Every structure is written in C-alpha cells, then in structure tokens.
Amino acid sequence: MVGQLPNEKKLIIVGMPHTSNWDFILAMACMQSVGLKVSYMMKKEAFAWPFESFFKYLGGVPIERSSSNDVTSQMVTWFNDNENVWLGMTPEGTRSKVQQFKKGYLRIAKAANVPISLIGIDARLKHVVLHNDPWIFTGANDDEDNKAIKRYSDENFYGINPTKQ
C-alpha cells in the first residue's frame, strides 16, 4: 500500500478499478493488515444463516433493494446511526468495462454529507494507492463530479484485469 488514508470519522472509500473478483480479496487483506474496518453494502438476502455473522464481521451492511426502498436513504440513516464508519464502494457497479461510473456513491456522499476518498489498484506495480486528500463535492452536478473521478481513475489506476477497465 502506498499513500495515506485521510483522517476522517466518516468516509466513503471509492475503490477502483473493479475488474476482478480478486479486488475484494485484495482490499480485505490490505484493510486487515493495517487493522482497518471498512463496511460495504450487500443485498440483505445474503445475510442468511450460516453467512450472516461472517458478512457482518467483515463489515457487511444489509441493503433492501426493492423498488420501494431507497438505497441512498438507507445509507444516510446508517451513517447517521453510526460513529467512525467508513463505507467502501466500487463505482463501476460491475467487473466489466464501463464508459462511465454509476453515481450512487456521489448521491450517498452528498445526502449523508460525508467526504469521498479514492483508493485504486495499480496492478502493474502491485500497489494499492491511497489518496490522502478527501474529495468533498458540494456542486449540484453529479455528472461533472463523476466524470472527474472517472478521469482520475483512468489516469492513475491500472486494474488486475486491464481489458475490463
């Protein structure tokens, strides 16, 4: 790991590029190596016996994904109900190549008033790159913010499976 994490009580960590199932394993190994717990969203159906305790131990936050339940509102409530929590998200929403990131991480960050920190993989150098300065977006234009983050990712990170980046 290179770089430093920001000194924030609440944070959304945007991990990119997400090109392989190994990304999750690598991220968990890095967090465990420095004693860091980062939560992540997961469909609530996965939190059934015998996996519920395991996923919660790893930081899983069960999410109700039905159309009547707004994920952004669920995460705002989660941030409001917890102190000193970091949430990890991948903006692609898939391990496949995408032209643009999904904007859920921006909606959650803005609604919960939580800064964003970018973390990326540089598989060429075998580095996980930590971006120390949190990105705090106050603009109303999620499209422009999202394009800036995608551009930063494309210029600074290199996925495990680069053909999907």
C-alpha atoms as a PDB file:
ATOM      1  CA  MET A   1       0.000   0.000   0.000  1.00  0.00           C
ATOM      2  CA  VAL A   2       1.273   3.445  -0.858  1.00  0.00           C
ATOM      3  CA  GLY A   3      -0.052   6.775   0.356  1.00  0.00           C
ATOM      4  CA  GLN A   4      -2.100   7.592   3.408  1.00  0.00           C
ATOM      5  CA  LEU A   5      -5.738   7.464   4.345  1.00  0.00           C
ATOM      6  CA  PRO A   6      -7.440  10.702   5.351  1.00  0.00           C
ATOM      7  CA  ASN A   7      -8.151  11.436   8.987  1.00  0.00           C
ATOM      8  CA  GLU A   8     -11.954  11.385   8.796  1.00  0.00           C
ATOM      9  CA  LYS A   9     -14.520   9.893  11.179  1.00  0.00           C
ATOM     10  CA  LYS A  10     -16.973   9.148   8.386  1.00  0.00           C
ATOM     11  CA  LEU A  11     -15.917   8.471   4.841  1.00  0.00           C
ATOM     12  CA  ILE A  12     -16.912   6.802   1.606  1.00  0.00           C
ATOM     13  CA  ILE A  13     -13.971   4.992   0.076  1.00  0.00           C
ATOM     14  CA  VAL A  14     -14.345   4.632  -3.666  1.00  0.00           C
ATOM     15  CA  GLY A  15     -12.259   1.663  -4.785  1.00  0.00           C
ATOM     16  CA  MET A  16     -11.343   1.349  -8.430  1.00  0.00           C
ATOM     17  CA  PRO A  17     -10.939  -0.039 -10.963  1.00  0.00           C
ATOM     18  CA  HIS A  18     -13.135  -3.041 -10.201  1.00  0.00           C
ATOM     19  CA  THR A  19     -12.051  -5.534 -12.850  1.00  0.00           C
ATOM     20  CA  SER A  20     -11.751  -8.835 -10.960  1.00  0.00           C
ATOM     21  CA  ASN A  21     -13.211 -10.856  -8.091  1.00  0.00           C
ATOM     22  CA  TRP A  22      -9.718 -10.618  -6.599  1.00  0.00           C
ATOM     23  CA  ASP A  23     -10.311  -6.897  -5.919  1.00  0.00           C
ATOM     24  CA  PHE A  24     -12.451  -7.706  -2.864  1.00  0.00           C
ATOM     25  CA  ILE A  25      -9.922 -10.220  -1.505  1.00  0.00           C
ATOM     26  CA  LEU A  26      -7.050  -7.778  -2.050  1.00  0.00           C
ATOM     27  CA  ALA A  27      -8.987  -4.945  -0.395  1.00  0.00           C
ATOM     28  CA  MET A  28      -9.882  -7.094   2.621  1.00  0.00           C
ATOM     29  CA  ALA A  29      -6.285  -8.270   3.002  1.00  0.00           C
ATOM     30  CA  CYS A  30      -4.976  -4.689   2.885  1.00  0.00           C
ATOM     31  CA  MET A  31      -7.533  -3.498   5.449  1.00  0.00           C
ATOM     32  CA  GLN A  32      -6.816  -6.402   7.780  1.00  0.00           C
ATOM     33  CA  SER A  33      -3.061  -5.782   7.513  1.00  0.00           C
ATOM     34  CA  VAL A  34      -3.455  -2.277   8.975  1.00  0.00           C
ATOM     35  CA  GLY A  35      -6.337  -3.057  11.354  1.00  0.00           C
ATOM     36  CA  LEU A  36      -8.874  -1.042   9.362  1.00  0.00           C
ATOM     37  CA  LYS A  37     -12.555  -1.934   9.167  1.00  0.00           C
ATOM     38  CA  VAL A  38     -14.415  -0.666   6.124  1.00  0.00           C
ATOM     39  CA  SER A  39     -18.045  -1.564   5.641  1.00  0.00           C
ATOM     40  CA  TYR A  40     -19.657  -2.443   2.344  1.00  0.00           C
ATOM     41  CA  MET A  41     -23.213  -2.755   1.084  1.00  0.00           C
ATOM     42  CA  MET A  42     -24.601  -6.173   0.238  1.00  0.00           C
ATOM     43  CA  LYS A  43     -28.081  -7.395  -0.627  1.00  0.00           C
ATOM     44  CA  LYS A  44     -29.914  -8.362   2.553  1.00  0.00           C
ATOM     45  CA  GLU A  45     -30.749 -11.788   1.123  1.00  0.00           C
ATOM     46  CA  ALA A  46     -27.075 -12.766   1.501  1.00  0.00           C
ATOM     47  CA  PHE A  47     -27.299 -12.276   5.275  1.00  0.00           C
ATOM     48  CA  ALA A  48     -28.977 -15.614   5.886  1.00  0.00           C
ATOM     49  CA  TRP A  49     -27.676 -18.394   8.086  1.00  0.00           C
ATOM     50  CA  PRO A  50     -24.868 -19.523   8.083  1.00  0.00           C
ATOM     51  CA  PHE A  51     -23.277 -16.445   6.452  1.00  0.00           C
ATOM     52  CA  GLU A  52     -24.912 -13.584   8.383  1.00  0.00           C
ATOM     53  CA  SER A  53     -22.333 -13.391  11.184  1.00  0.00           C
ATOM     54  CA  PHE A  54     -19.432 -13.778   8.757  1.00  0.00           C
ATOM     55  CA  PHE A  55     -20.586 -10.984   6.437  1.00  0.00           C
ATOM     56  CA  LYS A  56     -21.313  -8.646   9.362  1.00  0.00           C
ATOM     57  CA  TYR A  57     -17.891  -9.420  10.851  1.00  0.00           C
ATOM     58  CA  LEU A  58     -16.318  -8.375   7.543  1.00  0.00           C
ATOM     59  CA  GLY A  59     -18.303  -5.113   7.623  1.00  0.00           C
ATOM     60  CA  GLY A  60     -21.306  -6.018   5.508  1.00  0.00           C
ATOM     61  CA  VAL A  61     -24.330  -3.708   5.662  1.00  0.00           C
ATOM     62  CA  PRO A  62     -27.546  -5.432   4.532  1.00  0.00           C
ATOM     63  CA  ILE A  63     -29.426  -3.413   1.904  1.00  0.00           C
ATOM     64  CA  GLU A  64     -33.063  -3.781   0.918  1.00  0.00           C
ATOM     65  CA  ARG A  65     -33.003  -3.407  -2.866  1.00  0.00           C
ATOM     66  CA  SER A  66     -36.707  -3.471  -3.689  1.00  0.00           C
ATOM     67  CA  SER A  67     -38.062  -0.509  -5.614  1.00  0.00           C
ATOM     68  CA  SER A  68     -39.933   0.788  -2.559  1.00  0.00           C
ATOM     69  CA  ASN A  69     -36.693   1.130  -0.559  1.00  0.00           C
ATOM     70  CA  ASP A  70     -34.318   3.927  -1.481  1.00  0.00           C
ATOM     71  CA  VAL A  71     -30.714   2.762  -1.030  1.00  0.00           C
ATOM     72  CA  THR A  72     -29.468   6.336  -0.581  1.00  0.00           C
ATOM     73  CA  SER A  73     -31.897   6.906   2.299  1.00  0.00           C
ATOM     74  CA  GLN A  74     -30.896   3.608   3.897  1.00  0.00           C
ATOM     75  CA  MET A  75     -27.230   4.600   3.813  1.00  0.00           C
ATOM     76  CA  VAL A  76     -27.898   8.128   5.108  1.00  0.00           C
ATOM     77  CA  THR A  77     -29.683   6.539   8.075  1.00  0.00           C
ATOM     78  CA  TRP A  78     -26.765   4.131   8.532  1.00  0.00           C
ATOM     79  CA  PHE A  79     -24.238   6.997   8.558  1.00  0.00           C
ATOM     80  CA  ASN A  80     -26.428   8.987  10.987  1.00  0.00           C
ATOM     81  CA  ASP A  81     -26.794   5.990  13.322  1.00  0.00           C
ATOM     82  CA  ASN A  82     -23.068   5.173  13.460  1.00  0.00           C
ATOM     83  CA  GLU A  83     -19.906   6.987  14.505  1.00  0.00           C
ATOM     84  CA  ASN A  84     -16.494   6.411  12.972  1.00  0.00           C
ATOM     85  CA  VAL A  85     -17.659   4.405   9.959  1.00  0.00           C
ATOM     86  CA  TRP A  86     -16.185   4.083   6.530  1.00  0.00           C
ATOM     87  CA  LEU A  87     -18.094   2.635   3.593  1.00  0.00           C
ATOM     88  CA  GLY A  88     -16.308   1.094   0.626  1.00  0.00           C
ATOM     89  CA  MET A  89     -17.932   1.199  -2.805  1.00  0.00           C
ATOM     90  CA  THR A  90     -16.965   0.394  -6.372  1.00  0.00           C
ATOM     91  CA  PRO A  91     -18.372   2.962  -8.796  1.00  0.00           C
ATOM     92  CA  GLU A  92     -18.489   0.711 -11.852  1.00  0.00           C
ATOM     93  CA  GLY A  93     -21.293  -1.469 -10.466  1.00  0.00           C
ATOM     94  CA  THR A  94     -19.766  -4.434 -12.327  1.00  0.00           C
ATOM     95  CA  ARG A  95     -16.427  -6.012 -13.138  1.00  0.00           C
ATOM     96  CA  SER A  96     -16.994  -5.370 -16.850  1.00  0.00           C
ATOM     97  CA  LYS A  97     -15.661  -2.425 -18.832  1.00  0.00           C
ATOM     98  CA  VAL A  98     -17.813   0.709 -18.433  1.00  0.00           C
ATOM     99  CA  GLN A  99     -17.749   4.077 -20.149  1.00  0.00           C
ATOM    100  CA  GLN A 100     -18.963   5.904 -17.034  1.00  0.00           C
ATOM    101  CA  PHE A 101     -19.326   5.199 -13.345  1.00  0.00           C
ATOM    102  CA  LYS A 102     -22.671   4.801 -11.628  1.00  0.00           C
ATOM    103  CA  LYS A 103     -23.426   7.797  -9.387  1.00  0.00           C
ATOM    104  CA  GLY A 104     -24.831   6.122  -6.271  1.00  0.00           C
ATOM    105  CA  TYR A 105     -21.637   6.802  -4.301  1.00  0.00           C
ATOM    106  CA  LEU A 106     -21.978  10.520  -5.059  1.00  0.00           C
ATOM    107  CA  ARG A 107     -25.657  10.606  -4.115  1.00  0.00           C
ATOM    108  CA  ILE A 108     -24.933   8.865  -0.813  1.00  0.00           C
ATOM    109  CA  ALA A 109     -21.906  11.082  -0.040  1.00  0.00           C
ATOM    110  CA  LYS A 110     -23.821  14.282  -0.712  1.00  0.00           C
ATOM    111  CA  ALA A 111     -27.003  13.203   1.082  1.00  0.00           C
ATOM    112  CA  ALA A 112     -25.072  12.000   4.141  1.00  0.00           C
ATOM    113  CA  ASN A 113     -22.621  14.939   3.993  1.00  0.00           C
ATOM    114  CA  VAL A 114     -19.682  12.524   4.009  1.00  0.00           C
ATOM    115  CA  PRO A 115     -16.420  13.077   2.082  1.00  0.00           C
ATOM    116  CA  ILE A 116     -15.087  10.662  -0.525  1.00  0.00           C
ATOM    117  CA  SER A 117     -11.600   9.170  -0.612  1.00  0.00           C
ATOM    118  CA  LEU A 118     -10.285   7.452  -3.721  1.00  0.00           C
ATOM    119  CA  ILE A 119      -8.355   4.208  -3.485  1.00  0.00           C
ATOM    120  CA  GLY A 120      -7.084   2.428  -6.536  1.00  0.00           C
ATOM    121  CA  ILE A 121      -5.199  -0.574  -7.708  1.00  0.00           C
ATOM    122  CA  ASP A 122      -2.072  -0.231  -9.786  1.00  0.00           C
ATOM    123  CA  ALA A 123      -1.617  -3.865 -10.774  1.00  0.00           C
ATOM    124  CA  ARG A 124       1.464  -3.046 -12.879  1.00  0.00           C
ATOM    125  CA  LEU A 125       3.361  -2.034  -9.743  1.00  0.00           C
ATOM    126  CA  LYS A 126       1.386  -4.322  -7.393  1.00  0.00           C
ATOM    127  CA  HIS A 127       0.272  -1.292  -5.364  1.00  0.00           C
ATOM    128  CA  VAL A 128      -2.918  -0.290  -3.660  1.00  0.00           C
ATOM    129  CA  VAL A 129      -2.813   3.503  -3.907  1.00  0.00           C
ATOM    130  CA  LEU A 130      -4.390   5.534  -1.105  1.00  0.00           C
ATOM    131  CA  HIS A 131      -5.424   9.093  -1.923  1.00  0.00           C
ATOM    132  CA  ASN A 132      -4.898  11.106   1.281  1.00  0.00           C
ATOM    133  CA  ASP A 133      -6.948  14.188   0.461  1.00  0.00           C
ATOM    134  CA  PRO A 134     -10.683  13.525   0.676  1.00  0.00           C
ATOM    135  CA  TRP A 135     -12.764  14.780  -2.216  1.00  0.00           C
ATOM    136  CA  ILE A 136     -15.620  16.861  -0.913  1.00  0.00           C
ATOM    137  CA  PHE A 137     -18.060  17.697  -3.659  1.00  0.00           C
ATOM    138  CA  THR A 138     -20.501  20.459  -2.962  1.00  0.00           C
ATOM    139  CA  GLY A 139     -21.572  21.058  -6.540  1.00  0.00           C
ATOM    140  CA  ALA A 140     -25.014  20.074  -7.692  1.00  0.00           C
ATOM    141  CA  ASN A 141     -23.764  18.443 -10.874  1.00  0.00           C
ATOM    142  CA  ASP A 142     -23.161  14.750 -10.200  1.00  0.00           C
ATOM    143  CA  ASP A 143     -22.348  14.171 -13.877  1.00  0.00           C
ATOM    144  CA  GLU A 144     -19.345  16.517 -13.790  1.00  0.00           C
ATOM    145  CA  ASP A 145     -18.110  15.149 -10.441  1.00  0.00           C
ATOM    146  CA  ASN A 146     -18.498  11.593 -11.714  1.00  0.00           C
ATOM    147  CA  LYS A 147     -16.599  12.349 -14.936  1.00  0.00           C
ATOM    148  CA  ALA A 148     -13.760  13.949 -12.935  1.00  0.00           C
ATOM    149  CA  ILE A 149     -13.438  10.867 -10.713  1.00  0.00           C
ATOM    150  CA  LYS A 150     -13.579   8.500 -13.712  1.00  0.00           C
ATOM    151  CA  ARG A 151     -10.892  10.561 -15.453  1.00  0.00           C
ATOM    152  CA  TYR A 152      -8.724  10.484 -12.293  1.00  0.00           C
ATOM    153  CA  SER A 153      -9.158   6.709 -12.086  1.00  0.00           C
ATOM    154  CA  ASP A 154      -8.289   6.175 -15.743  1.00  0.00           C
ATOM    155  CA  GLU A 155      -5.161   8.321 -15.424  1.00  0.00           C
ATOM    156  CA  ASN A 156      -3.869   6.914 -12.120  1.00  0.00           C
ATOM    157  CA  PHE A 157      -5.013   3.308 -11.635  1.00  0.00           C
ATOM    158  CA  TYR A 158      -4.494   0.055 -13.503  1.00  0.00           C
ATOM    159  CA  GLY A 159      -6.784  -2.915 -12.805  1.00  0.00           C
ATOM    160  CA  ILE A 160      -5.933  -6.542 -12.196  1.00  0.00           C
ATOM    161  CA  ASN A 161      -7.744  -7.358 -15.443  1.00  0.00           C
ATOM    162  CA  PRO A 162      -6.988  -4.248 -17.558  1.00  0.00           C
ATOM    163  CA  THR A 163      -9.089  -5.388 -20.528  1.00  0.00           C
ATOM    164  CA  LYS A 164     -12.161  -4.658 -18.357  1.00  0.00           C
ATOM    165  CA  GLN A 165     -11.033  -1.172 -17.365  1.00  0.00           C
END
